[in-house]
Amino acid sequence: MKRVCVNLEDEVYKQLRHLAVNEERTMTDIVAELVKAKLENKKEQSR
């Protein structure tokens, strides 16, 4: 597994943190899920 560092605007960070707390998940899990979904979507569109 590889590690990536991202810069987020303060408001986006706050929203992500609140989402993670509300869903009892880590911010890392949410970001990884969103990236995977975006990549899958792009993959399907290119077919």
Protein backbone atom coordinates (compact mmCIF):
# COMPACT_ATOMS: atom_id res chain seq x y z
CA MET A 1 0.00 0.00 0.00
CA LYS A 2 1.24 3.49 -0.83
CA ARG A 3 0.71 6.74 1.02
CA VAL A 4 -0.38 10.03 -0.60
CA CYS A 5 -0.50 13.52 0.85
CA VAL A 6 -3.18 15.94 -0.34
CA ASN A 7 -3.89 19.59 0.39
CA LEU A 8 -7.53 20.43 1.06
CA GLU A 9 -9.20 23.77 1.54
CA ASP A 10 -10.16 24.32 5.17
CA GLU A 11 -13.89 23.99 4.48
CA VAL A 12 -13.46 20.76 2.51
CA TYR A 13 -11.35 19.34 5.34
CA LYS A 14 -14.01 20.25 7.90
CA GLN A 15 -16.74 18.65 5.81
CA LEU A 16 -14.67 15.49 5.34
CA ARG A 17 -13.91 15.29 9.05
CA HIS A 18 -17.59 15.68 9.96
CA LEU A 19 -18.58 13.04 7.41
CA ALA A 20 -16.02 10.63 8.87
CA VAL A 21 -17.29 11.21 12.41
CA ASN A 22 -20.93 10.83 11.37
CA GLU A 23 -20.22 7.60 9.48
CA GLU A 24 -17.77 6.32 12.13
CA ARG A 25 -15.09 5.89 9.47
CA THR A 26 -11.66 7.34 8.91
CA MET A 27 -11.05 10.20 6.53
CA THR A 28 -8.53 7.96 4.77
CA ASP A 29 -11.19 5.31 4.12
CA ILE A 30 -13.59 7.88 2.68
CA VAL A 31 -10.97 9.47 0.43
CA ALA A 32 -9.76 6.07 -0.81
CA GLU A 33 -13.35 5.05 -1.58
CA LEU A 34 -13.99 8.27 -3.51
CA VAL A 35 -10.78 7.91 -5.53
CA LYS A 36 -11.56 4.28 -6.39
CA ALA A 37 -15.10 5.23 -7.47
CA LYS A 38 -13.79 8.05 -9.66
CA LEU A 39 -11.23 5.77 -11.30
CA GLU A 40 -13.84 3.07 -11.94
CA ASN A 41 -16.17 5.66 -13.45
CA LYS A 42 -13.42 6.90 -15.78
CA LYS A 43 -12.56 3.32 -16.72
CA GLU A 44 -16.19 2.57 -17.65
CA GLN A 45 -16.48 5.78 -19.68
CA SER A 46 -13.42 4.94 -21.76
CA ARG A 47 -14.84 1.58 -22.88
